[in-house]
Amino acid sequence: MVRAKILSFIPTAEYYFTKGVKAYNRRDFHKAKKYFLLALQLEPGEPMITCQLAVLYTEIGEYQQSNRLLHSILEEL
C-alpha cells in the first residue's frame, strides 16, 4: 500500500505580493488588488506592499484610496 504525503502550504505576504505583481504586469488589476490586499493583511507594516497597492489604486482611478495609503506610508511607516 502506497501512502501519500500531505504537504502543508501556508502562503506568506511575499507569496501574495509576488502574485500581485505578476497580475499587475498582466494588467489584471482585479486579481492584483486581491493579492496585494491579502499580502497587506499578513504584513500590514510593510511599506513596499502598501506602496504597490497605492500605485494600483492610481491605475484604476481610485485616487482617494491611493492618497490615503501614500499618506499612511509617510506618517506611519
PDB file of N, CA and C in Angstrom:
ATOM      1  N   MET A   1       0.831  -1.175   0.000  1.00  0.00           N
ATOM      2  CA  MET A   1       0.000   0.000   0.000  1.00  0.00           C
ATOM      3  C   MET A   1       0.885   1.253   0.000  1.00  0.00           C
ATOM      4  N   VAL A   2       0.604   2.180  -0.913  1.00  0.00           N
ATOM      5  CA  VAL A   2       1.372   3.414  -1.028  1.00  0.00           C
ATOM      6  C   VAL A   2       0.697   4.496  -0.194  1.00  0.00           C
ATOM      7  N   ARG A   3       1.485   5.151   0.603  1.00  0.00           N
ATOM      8  CA  ARG A   3       0.947   6.238   1.415  1.00  0.00           C
ATOM      9  C   ARG A   3       1.310   7.569   0.769  1.00  0.00           C
ATOM     10  N   ALA A   4       0.327   8.416   0.661  1.00  0.00           N
ATOM     11  CA  ALA A   4       0.550   9.738   0.097  1.00  0.00           C
ATOM     12  C   ALA A   4       1.022  10.674   1.195  1.00  0.00           C
ATOM     13  N   LYS A   5       1.925  11.541   0.832  1.00  0.00           N
ATOM     14  CA  LYS A   5       2.376  12.558   1.777  1.00  0.00           C
ATOM     15  C   LYS A   5       1.556  13.820   1.555  1.00  0.00           C
ATOM     16  N   ILE A   6       1.148  14.384   2.639  1.00  0.00           N
ATOM     17  CA  ILE A   6       0.412  15.645   2.561  1.00  0.00           C
ATOM     18  C   ILE A   6       1.356  16.749   3.018  1.00  0.00           C
ATOM     19  N   LEU A   7       1.542  17.692   2.138  1.00  0.00           N
ATOM     20  CA  LEU A   7       2.400  18.832   2.443  1.00  0.00           C
ATOM     21  C   LEU A   7       1.525  20.034   2.764  1.00  0.00           C
ATOM     22  N   SER A   8       1.834  20.690   3.841  1.00  0.00           N
ATOM     23  CA  SER A   8       1.064  21.891   4.163  1.00  0.00           C
ATOM     24  C   SER A   8       1.668  23.083   3.421  1.00  0.00           C
ATOM     25  N   PHE A   9       0.795  23.962   3.014  1.00  0.00           N
ATOM     26  CA  PHE A   9       1.232  25.169   2.313  1.00  0.00           C
ATOM     27  C   PHE A   9       0.594  26.360   3.002  1.00  0.00           C
ATOM     28  N   ILE A  10       1.436  27.166   3.605  1.00  0.00           N
ATOM     29  CA  ILE A  10       0.952  28.370   4.273  1.00  0.00           C
ATOM     30  C   ILE A  10       1.534  29.563   3.512  1.00  0.00           C
ATOM     31  N   PRO A  11       0.693  30.228   2.709  1.00  0.00           N
ATOM     32  CA  PRO A  11       1.196  31.352   1.918  1.00  0.00           C
ATOM     33  C   PRO A  11       1.635  32.522   2.801  1.00  0.00           C
ATOM     34  N   THR A  12       2.684  33.168   2.379  1.00  0.00           N
ATOM     35  CA  THR A  12       3.224  34.321   3.099  1.00  0.00           C
ATOM     36  C   THR A  12       2.829  35.606   2.382  1.00  0.00           C
ATOM     37  N   ALA A  13       3.117  36.719   3.014  1.00  0.00           N
ATOM     38  CA  ALA A  13       2.875  38.016   2.382  1.00  0.00           C
ATOM     39  C   ALA A  13       3.693  38.134   1.092  1.00  0.00           C
ATOM     40  N   GLU A  14       4.914  37.632   1.128  1.00  0.00           N
ATOM     41  CA  GLU A  14       5.773  37.689  -0.062  1.00  0.00           C
ATOM     42  C   GLU A  14       5.164  36.900  -1.218  1.00  0.00           C
ATOM     43  N   TYR A  15       4.569  35.755  -0.907  1.00  0.00           N
ATOM     44  CA  TYR A  15       3.914  34.932  -1.921  1.00  0.00           C
ATOM     45  C   TYR A  15       2.794  35.718  -2.606  1.00  0.00           C
ATOM     46  N   TYR A  16       1.911  36.314  -1.794  1.00  0.00           N
ATOM     47  CA  TYR A  16       0.800  37.081  -2.359  1.00  0.00           C
ATOM     48  C   TYR A  16       1.285  38.339  -3.081  1.00  0.00           C
ATOM     49  N   PHE A  17       2.319  38.973  -2.548  1.00  0.00           N
ATOM     50  CA  PHE A  17       2.861  40.165  -3.194  1.00  0.00           C
ATOM     51  C   PHE A  17       3.390  39.815  -4.583  1.00  0.00           C
ATOM     52  N   THR A  18       4.120  38.721  -4.679  1.00  0.00           N
ATOM     53  CA  THR A  18       4.670  38.285  -5.968  1.00  0.00           C
ATOM     54  C   THR A  18       3.551  37.974  -6.957  1.00  0.00           C
ATOM     55  N   LYS A  19       2.516  37.286  -6.497  1.00  0.00           N
ATOM     56  CA  LYS A  19       1.373  37.006  -7.374  1.00  0.00           C
ATOM     57  C   LYS A  19       0.685  38.310  -7.798  1.00  0.00           C
ATOM     58  N   GLY A  20       0.615  39.276  -6.887  1.00  0.00           N
ATOM     59  CA  GLY A  20       0.014  40.566  -7.202  1.00  0.00           C
ATOM     60  C   GLY A  20       0.800  41.320  -8.253  1.00  0.00           C
ATOM     61  N   VAL A  21       2.117  41.296  -8.136  1.00  0.00           N
ATOM     62  CA  VAL A  21       2.970  41.971  -9.129  1.00  0.00           C
ATOM     63  C   VAL A  21       2.799  41.323 -10.503  1.00  0.00           C
ATOM     64  N   LYS A  22       2.740  39.994 -10.536  1.00  0.00           N
ATOM     65  CA  LYS A  22       2.551  39.294 -11.814  1.00  0.00           C
ATOM     66  C   LYS A  22       1.205  39.660 -12.433  1.00  0.00           C
ATOM     67  N   ALA A  23       0.154  39.686 -11.614  1.00  0.00           N
ATOM     68  CA  ALA A  23      -1.169  40.064 -12.114  1.00  0.00           C
ATOM     69  C   ALA A  23      -1.169  41.518 -12.587  1.00  0.00           C
ATOM     70  N   TYR A  24      -0.496  42.388 -11.851  1.00  0.00           N
ATOM     71  CA  TYR A  24      -0.406  43.802 -12.231  1.00  0.00           C
ATOM     72  C   TYR A  24       0.290  43.943 -13.589  1.00  0.00           C
ATOM     73  N   ASN A  25       1.375  43.210 -13.759  1.00  0.00           N
ATOM     74  CA  ASN A  25       2.111  43.276 -15.029  1.00  0.00           C
ATOM     75  C   ASN A  25       1.288  42.746 -16.197  1.00  0.00           C
ATOM     76  N   ARG A  26       0.355  41.838 -15.929  1.00  0.00           N
ATOM     77  CA  ARG A  26      -0.560  41.345 -16.963  1.00  0.00           C
ATOM     78  C   ARG A  26      -1.763  42.279 -17.131  1.00  0.00           C
ATOM     79  N   ARG A  27      -1.795  43.337 -16.329  1.00  0.00           N
ATOM     80  CA  ARG A  27      -2.881  44.315 -16.303  1.00  0.00           C
ATOM     81  C   ARG A  27      -4.196  43.702 -15.832  1.00  0.00           C
ATOM     82  N   ASP A  28      -4.095  42.666 -15.016  1.00  0.00           N
ATOM     83  CA  ASP A  28      -5.257  42.060 -14.381  1.00  0.00           C
ATOM     84  C   ASP A  28      -5.395  42.715 -13.002  1.00  0.00           C
ATOM     85  N   PHE A  29      -5.926  43.930 -13.015  1.00  0.00           N
ATOM     86  CA  PHE A  29      -5.940  44.757 -11.821  1.00  0.00           C
ATOM     87  C   PHE A  29      -6.847  44.200 -10.719  1.00  0.00           C
ATOM     88  N   HIS A  30      -7.905  43.502 -11.108  1.00  0.00           N
ATOM     89  CA  HIS A  30      -8.806  42.921 -10.112  1.00  0.00           C
ATOM     90  C   HIS A  30      -8.061  41.885  -9.264  1.00  0.00           C
ATOM     91  N   LYS A  31      -7.346  40.983  -9.919  1.00  0.00           N
ATOM     92  CA  LYS A  31      -6.571  39.971  -9.192  1.00  0.00           C
ATOM     93  C   LYS A  31      -5.413  40.609  -8.427  1.00  0.00           C
ATOM     94  N   ALA A  32      -4.758  41.575  -9.045  1.00  0.00           N
ATOM     95  CA  ALA A  32      -3.630  42.237  -8.381  1.00  0.00           C
ATOM     96  C   ALA A  32      -4.092  42.872  -7.072  1.00  0.00           C
ATOM     97  N   LYS A  33      -5.231  43.538  -7.104  1.00  0.00           N
ATOM     98  CA  LYS A  33      -5.770  44.173  -5.890  1.00  0.00           C
ATOM     99  C   LYS A  33      -6.037  43.118  -4.825  1.00  0.00           C
ATOM    100  N   LYS A  34      -6.642  42.018  -5.229  1.00  0.00           N
ATOM    101  CA  LYS A  34      -6.939  40.926  -4.292  1.00  0.00           C
ATOM    102  C   LYS A  34      -5.661  40.425  -3.619  1.00  0.00           C
ATOM    103  N   TYR A  35      -4.621  40.179  -4.406  1.00  0.00           N
ATOM    104  CA  TYR A  35      -3.377  39.642  -3.862  1.00  0.00           C
ATOM    105  C   TYR A  35      -2.645  40.663  -2.992  1.00  0.00           C
ATOM    106  N   PHE A  36      -2.626  41.924  -3.415  1.00  0.00           N
ATOM    107  CA  PHE A  36      -1.967  42.946  -2.596  1.00  0.00           C
ATOM    108  C   PHE A  36      -2.680  43.125  -1.254  1.00  0.00           C
ATOM    109  N   LEU A  37      -4.006  43.069  -1.264  1.00  0.00           N
ATOM    110  CA  LEU A  37      -4.751  43.204  -0.010  1.00  0.00           C
ATOM    111  C   LEU A  37      -4.480  42.014   0.918  1.00  0.00           C
ATOM    112  N   LEU A  38      -4.374  40.813   0.354  1.00  0.00           N
ATOM    113  CA  LEU A  38      -4.035  39.643   1.166  1.00  0.00           C
ATOM    114  C   LEU A  38      -2.630  39.783   1.757  1.00  0.00           C
ATOM    115  N   ALA A  39      -1.694  40.248   0.940  1.00  0.00           N
ATOM    116  CA  ALA A  39      -0.322  40.450   1.418  1.00  0.00           C
ATOM    117  C   ALA A  39      -0.300  41.484   2.533  1.00  0.00           C
ATOM    118  N   LEU A  40      -1.071  42.551   2.364  1.00  0.00           N
ATOM    119  CA  LEU A  40      -1.111  43.615   3.364  1.00  0.00           C
ATOM    120  C   LEU A  40      -1.736  43.129   4.676  1.00  0.00           C
ATOM    121  N   GLN A  41      -2.696  42.220   4.589  1.00  0.00           N
ATOM    122  CA  GLN A  41      -3.280  41.650   5.813  1.00  0.00           C
ATOM    123  C   GLN A  41      -2.233  40.851   6.585  1.00  0.00           C
ATOM    124  N   LEU A  42      -1.374  40.147   5.857  1.00  0.00           N
ATOM    125  CA  LEU A  42      -0.363  39.323   6.515  1.00  0.00           C
ATOM    126  C   LEU A  42       0.805  40.142   7.050  1.00  0.00           C
ATOM    127  N   GLU A  43       1.125  41.255   6.362  1.00  0.00           N
ATOM    128  CA  GLU A  43       2.229  42.115   6.796  1.00  0.00           C
ATOM    129  C   GLU A  43       1.830  43.578   6.674  1.00  0.00           C
ATOM    130  N   PRO A  44       1.010  44.060   7.603  1.00  0.00           N
ATOM    131  CA  PRO A  44       0.493  45.430   7.496  1.00  0.00           C
ATOM    132  C   PRO A  44       1.560  46.521   7.608  1.00  0.00           C
ATOM    133  N   GLY A  45       2.702  46.226   8.169  1.00  0.00           N
ATOM    134  CA  GLY A  45       3.736  47.243   8.331  1.00  0.00           C
ATOM    135  C   GLY A  45       4.746  47.289   7.203  1.00  0.00           C
ATOM    136  N   GLU A  46       4.500  46.567   6.134  1.00  0.00           N
ATOM    137  CA  GLU A  46       5.461  46.510   5.024  1.00  0.00           C
ATOM    138  C   GLU A  46       5.175  47.628   4.020  1.00  0.00           C
ATOM    139  N   PRO A  47       6.043  48.651   3.962  1.00  0.00           N
ATOM    140  CA  PRO A  47       5.771  49.801   3.096  1.00  0.00           C
ATOM    141  C   PRO A  47       5.764  49.467   1.597  1.00  0.00           C
ATOM    142  N   MET A  48       6.517  48.457   1.184  1.00  0.00           N
ATOM    143  CA  MET A  48       6.566  48.116  -0.246  1.00  0.00           C
ATOM    144  C   MET A  48       5.205  47.611  -0.732  1.00  0.00           C
ATOM    145  N   ILE A  49       4.549  46.808   0.090  1.00  0.00           N
ATOM    146  CA  ILE A  49       3.220  46.306  -0.273  1.00  0.00           C
ATOM    147  C   ILE A  49       2.238  47.465  -0.337  1.00  0.00           C
ATOM    148  N   THR A  50       2.277  48.324   0.667  1.00  0.00           N
ATOM    149  CA  THR A  50       1.383  49.479   0.723  1.00  0.00           C
ATOM    150  C   THR A  50       1.599  50.393  -0.472  1.00  0.00           C
ATOM    151  N   CYS A  51       2.850  50.613  -0.818  1.00  0.00           N
ATOM    152  CA  CYS A  51       3.180  51.482  -1.951  1.00  0.00           C
ATOM    153  C   CYS A  51       2.671  50.889  -3.265  1.00  0.00           C
ATOM    154  N   GLN A  52       2.860  49.596  -3.451  1.00  0.00           N
ATOM    155  CA  GLN A  52       2.406  48.959  -4.689  1.00  0.00           C
ATOM    156  C   GLN A  52       0.888  48.996  -4.788  1.00  0.00           C
ATOM    157  N   LEU A  53       0.214  48.825  -3.664  1.00  0.00           N
ATOM    158  CA  LEU A  53      -1.244  48.925  -3.666  1.00  0.00           C
ATOM    159  C   LEU A  53      -1.683  50.346  -4.011  1.00  0.00           C
ATOM    160  N   ALA A  54      -0.962  51.349  -3.526  1.00  0.00           N
ATOM    161  CA  ALA A  54      -1.272  52.740  -3.869  1.00  0.00           C
ATOM    162  C   ALA A  54      -1.100  52.983  -5.364  1.00  0.00           C
ATOM    163  N   VAL A  55      -0.062  52.412  -5.950  1.00  0.00           N
ATOM    164  CA  VAL A  55       0.159  52.532  -7.398  1.00  0.00           C
ATOM    165  C   VAL A  55      -1.015  51.897  -8.147  1.00  0.00           C
ATOM    166  N   LEU A  56      -1.439  50.737  -7.689  1.00  0.00           N
ATOM    167  CA  LEU A  56      -2.571  50.049  -8.317  1.00  0.00           C
ATOM    168  C   LEU A  56      -3.834  50.894  -8.231  1.00  0.00           C
ATOM    169  N   TYR A  57      -4.101  51.461  -7.040  1.00  0.00           N
ATOM    170  CA  TYR A  57      -5.284  52.306  -6.892  1.00  0.00           C
ATOM    171  C   TYR A  57      -5.241  53.489  -7.856  1.00  0.00           C
ATOM    172  N   THR A  58      -4.077  54.073  -8.056  1.00  0.00           N
ATOM    173  CA  THR A  58      -3.948  55.172  -9.018  1.00  0.00           C
ATOM    174  C   THR A  58      -4.282  54.683 -10.423  1.00  0.00           C
ATOM    175  N   GLU A  59      -3.786  53.516 -10.761  1.00  0.00           N
ATOM    176  CA  GLU A  59      -4.004  52.936 -12.090  1.00  0.00           C
ATOM    177  C   GLU A  59      -5.483  52.701 -12.375  1.00  0.00           C
ATOM    178  N   ILE A  60      -6.245  52.323 -11.344  1.00  0.00           N
ATOM    179  CA  ILE A  60      -7.666  52.038 -11.572  1.00  0.00           C
ATOM    180  C   ILE A  60      -8.563  53.234 -11.236  1.00  0.00           C
ATOM    181  N   GLY A  61      -7.944  54.366 -10.953  1.00  0.00           N
ATOM    182  CA  GLY A  61      -8.705  55.596 -10.760  1.00  0.00           C
ATOM    183  C   GLY A  61      -9.229  55.821  -9.356  1.00  0.00           C
ATOM    184  N   GLU A  62      -8.797  55.033  -8.406  1.00  0.00           N
ATOM    185  CA  GLU A  62      -9.215  55.224  -7.010  1.00  0.00           C
ATOM    186  C   GLU A  62      -8.188  56.110  -6.302  1.00  0.00           C
ATOM    187  N   TYR A  63      -8.216  57.388  -6.668  1.00  0.00           N
ATOM    188  CA  TYR A  63      -7.182  58.324  -6.227  1.00  0.00           C
ATOM    189  C   TYR A  63      -7.229  58.612  -4.729  1.00  0.00           C
ATOM    190  N   GLN A  64      -8.418  58.677  -4.147  1.00  0.00           N
ATOM    191  CA  GLN A  64      -8.505  58.932  -2.700  1.00  0.00           C
ATOM    192  C   GLN A  64      -7.884  57.793  -1.904  1.00  0.00           C
ATOM    193  N   GLN A  65      -8.158  56.558  -2.322  1.00  0.00           N
ATOM    194  CA  GLN A  65      -7.551  55.403  -1.659  1.00  0.00           C
ATOM    195  C   GLN A  65      -6.031  55.448  -1.789  1.00  0.00           C
ATOM    196  N   SER A  66      -5.569  55.784  -2.984  1.00  0.00           N
ATOM    197  CA  SER A  66      -4.133  55.863  -3.233  1.00  0.00           C
ATOM    198  C   SER A  66      -3.489  56.922  -2.345  1.00  0.00           C
ATOM    199  N   ASN A  67      -4.084  58.089  -2.294  1.00  0.00           N
ATOM    200  CA  ASN A  67      -3.543  59.169  -1.462  1.00  0.00           C
ATOM    201  C   ASN A  67      -3.555  58.804   0.017  1.00  0.00           C
ATOM    202  N   ARG A  68      -4.603  58.129   0.451  1.00  0.00           N
ATOM    203  CA  ARG A  68      -4.699  57.701   1.851  1.00  0.00           C
ATOM    204  C   ARG A  68      -3.546  56.761   2.194  1.00  0.00           C
ATOM    205  N   LEU A  69      -3.278  55.810   1.303  1.00  0.00           N
ATOM    206  CA  LEU A  69      -2.176  54.874   1.544  1.00  0.00           C
ATOM    207  C   LEU A  69      -0.821  55.576   1.523  1.00  0.00           C
ATOM    208  N   LEU A  70      -0.638  56.484   0.575  1.00  0.00           N
ATOM    209  CA  LEU A  70       0.644  57.196   0.485  1.00  0.00           C
ATOM    210  C   LEU A  70       0.872  58.041   1.733  1.00  0.00           C
ATOM    211  N   HIS A  71      -0.178  58.680   2.232  1.00  0.00           N
ATOM    212  CA  HIS A  71      -0.039  59.462   3.477  1.00  0.00           C
ATOM    213  C   HIS A  71       0.288  58.548   4.657  1.00  0.00           C
ATOM    214  N   SER A  72      -0.320  57.363   4.675  1.00  0.00           N
ATOM    215  CA  SER A  72      -0.039  56.446   5.787  1.00  0.00           C
ATOM    216  C   SER A  72       1.413  55.972   5.741  1.00  0.00           C
ATOM    217  N   ILE A  73       1.966  55.820   4.534  1.00  0.00           N
ATOM    218  CA  ILE A  73       3.372  55.441   4.410  1.00  0.00           C
ATOM    219  C   ILE A  73       4.255  56.539   5.012  1.00  0.00           C
ATOM    220  N   LEU A  74       3.959  57.781   4.665  1.00  0.00           N
ATOM    221  CA  LEU A  74       4.770  58.897   5.151  1.00  0.00           C
ATOM    222  C   LEU A  74       4.629  59.096   6.653  1.00  0.00           C
ATOM    223  N   GLU A  75       3.418  58.956   7.162  1.00  0.00           N
ATOM    224  CA  GLU A  75       3.162  59.255   8.571  1.00  0.00           C
ATOM    225  C   GLU A  75       3.459  58.095   9.515  1.00  0.00           C
ATOM    226  N   GLU A  76       3.207  56.876   9.077  1.00  0.00           N
ATOM    227  CA  GLU A  76       3.294  55.745   9.999  1.00  0.00           C
ATOM    228  C   GLU A  76       4.435  54.774   9.696  1.00  0.00           C
ATOM    229  N   LEU A  77       4.716  54.579   8.430  1.00  0.00           N
ATOM    230  CA  LEU A  77       5.687  53.559   8.075  1.00  0.00           C
ATOM    231  C   LEU A  77       7.042  54.176   7.787  1.00  0.00           C
TER     232      LEU A  77
END
